[in-house]
Amino acid sequence: MTPVKVKVENQEYLYILWDDNTETKIDLPALRDACPCAECQTGKDPKTENLPFKPLTLGKKTEIADINVVGNYALNIFWKDGHHTGIYEFGYLRQLGKQ
């Protein structure tokens, strides 16, 4: 399972067309909230899986500046607020698209 096409639609959704012709569409706020990096995962409330409120990350938090492919297994998303350490594995992205 490899992306054939990846694009941001209207700064609202991440669209992925996979090599098996499956399409995935992920809401950008949900994608950002699901960031798998250590910074974003640290401090999550185990009951709700919500992060503590961080007012400094408002604004361009859910706008994507760039996307790079990492090897043959993931995408690295650069958010317009400067965050860029999340490596989203392809399987993880497919899961997020089903939610």
Protein backbone atom coordinates (compact mmCIF):
# COMPACT_ATOMS: atom_id res chain seq x y z
CA MET A 1 0.00 0.00 0.00
CA THR A 2 1.66 3.14 -1.33
CA PRO A 3 0.24 6.56 -2.13
CA VAL A 4 -0.05 7.35 -5.83
CA LYS A 5 -1.35 10.88 -5.25
CA VAL A 6 -1.28 13.10 -2.16
CA LYS A 7 -2.78 16.57 -2.06
CA VAL A 8 -4.26 19.10 0.34
CA GLU A 9 -7.80 20.13 -0.60
CA ASN A 10 -8.73 23.72 0.31
CA GLN A 11 -6.66 23.52 3.52
CA GLU A 12 -9.48 21.34 4.87
CA TYR A 13 -8.58 17.75 3.97
CA LEU A 14 -5.60 15.59 3.12
CA TYR A 15 -6.53 13.48 0.10
CA ILE A 16 -4.58 10.28 -0.68
CA LEU A 17 -5.10 7.96 -3.63
CA TRP A 18 -3.49 4.59 -2.91
CA ASP A 19 -2.00 2.12 -5.39
CA ASP A 20 -5.03 -0.17 -4.88
CA ASN A 21 -7.33 2.72 -6.00
CA THR A 22 -8.62 3.27 -2.45
CA GLU A 23 -9.15 6.92 -1.58
CA THR A 24 -8.54 8.41 1.85
CA LYS A 25 -9.72 11.84 2.94
CA ILE A 26 -8.65 13.09 6.38
CA ASP A 27 -9.87 16.29 8.02
CA LEU A 28 -6.79 18.46 8.77
CA PRO A 29 -7.69 19.23 12.41
CA ALA A 30 -8.09 15.48 13.02
CA LEU A 31 -4.78 14.80 11.25
CA ARG A 32 -2.98 17.37 13.39
CA ASP A 33 -4.57 16.06 16.59
CA ALA A 34 -3.39 12.56 15.62
CA CYS A 35 0.22 13.68 15.12
CA PRO A 36 2.36 10.71 16.16
CA CYS A 37 5.46 12.66 17.24
CA ALA A 38 6.76 12.45 20.80
CA GLU A 39 5.99 16.11 21.53
CA CYS A 40 2.32 15.71 20.59
CA GLN A 41 1.89 12.34 22.28
CA THR A 42 3.51 13.37 25.59
CA GLY A 43 1.03 14.61 28.11
CA LYS A 44 -2.09 13.11 26.58
CA ASP A 45 -4.81 12.37 29.09
CA PRO A 46 -5.11 8.54 29.02
CA LYS A 47 -8.89 8.71 29.63
CA THR A 48 -9.71 11.13 26.81
CA GLU A 49 -6.49 11.08 24.76
CA ASN A 50 -6.77 14.89 24.63
CA LEU A 51 -3.70 17.09 24.82
CA PRO A 52 -3.49 19.95 27.29
CA PHE A 53 -4.64 23.26 25.78
CA LYS A 54 -1.73 25.05 24.08
CA PRO A 55 -2.79 28.59 23.09
CA LEU A 56 0.47 29.22 21.22
CA THR A 57 -0.43 26.59 18.63
CA LEU A 58 -3.67 28.25 17.53
CA GLY A 59 -3.91 30.04 14.20
CA LYS A 60 -2.09 28.17 11.46
CA LYS A 61 -1.99 24.95 13.48
CA THR A 62 -4.04 23.01 10.92
CA GLU A 63 -2.67 24.48 7.68
CA ILE A 64 -0.14 22.36 5.78
CA ALA A 65 2.92 24.05 4.29
CA ASP A 66 4.59 20.97 2.76
CA ILE A 67 4.52 17.17 2.66
CA ASN A 68 7.50 14.88 2.06
CA VAL A 69 7.66 11.14 1.54
CA VAL A 70 9.83 9.32 4.09
CA GLY A 71 11.36 6.20 2.58
CA ASN A 72 8.68 3.82 1.35
CA TYR A 73 6.58 3.90 4.49
CA ALA A 74 5.45 7.36 5.64
CA LEU A 75 4.71 11.03 5.07
CA ASN A 76 6.33 13.88 6.99
CA ILE A 77 3.95 16.82 7.25
CA PHE A 78 5.20 20.37 7.71
CA TRP A 79 2.49 22.50 9.33
CA LYS A 80 2.39 26.27 8.76
CA ASP A 81 2.87 26.95 12.48
CA GLY A 82 6.35 25.39 12.22
CA HIS A 83 5.60 21.91 13.57
CA HIS A 84 7.24 19.23 11.43
CA THR A 85 8.33 16.25 13.54
CA GLY A 86 5.35 13.98 12.88
CA ILE A 87 6.05 10.95 10.69
CA TYR A 88 2.70 9.50 9.59
CA GLU A 89 3.13 5.88 8.49
CA PHE A 90 0.98 4.83 5.54
CA GLY A 91 -0.97 2.25 7.58
CA TYR A 92 -1.67 4.90 10.24
CA LEU A 93 -2.99 7.29 7.57
CA ARG A 94 -5.31 4.57 6.21
CA GLN A 95 -6.64 4.02 9.74
CA LEU A 96 -7.23 7.73 10.25
CA GLY A 97 -9.16 7.85 6.99
CA LYS A 98 -11.54 5.15 8.20
CA GLN A 99 -12.43 7.01 11.42
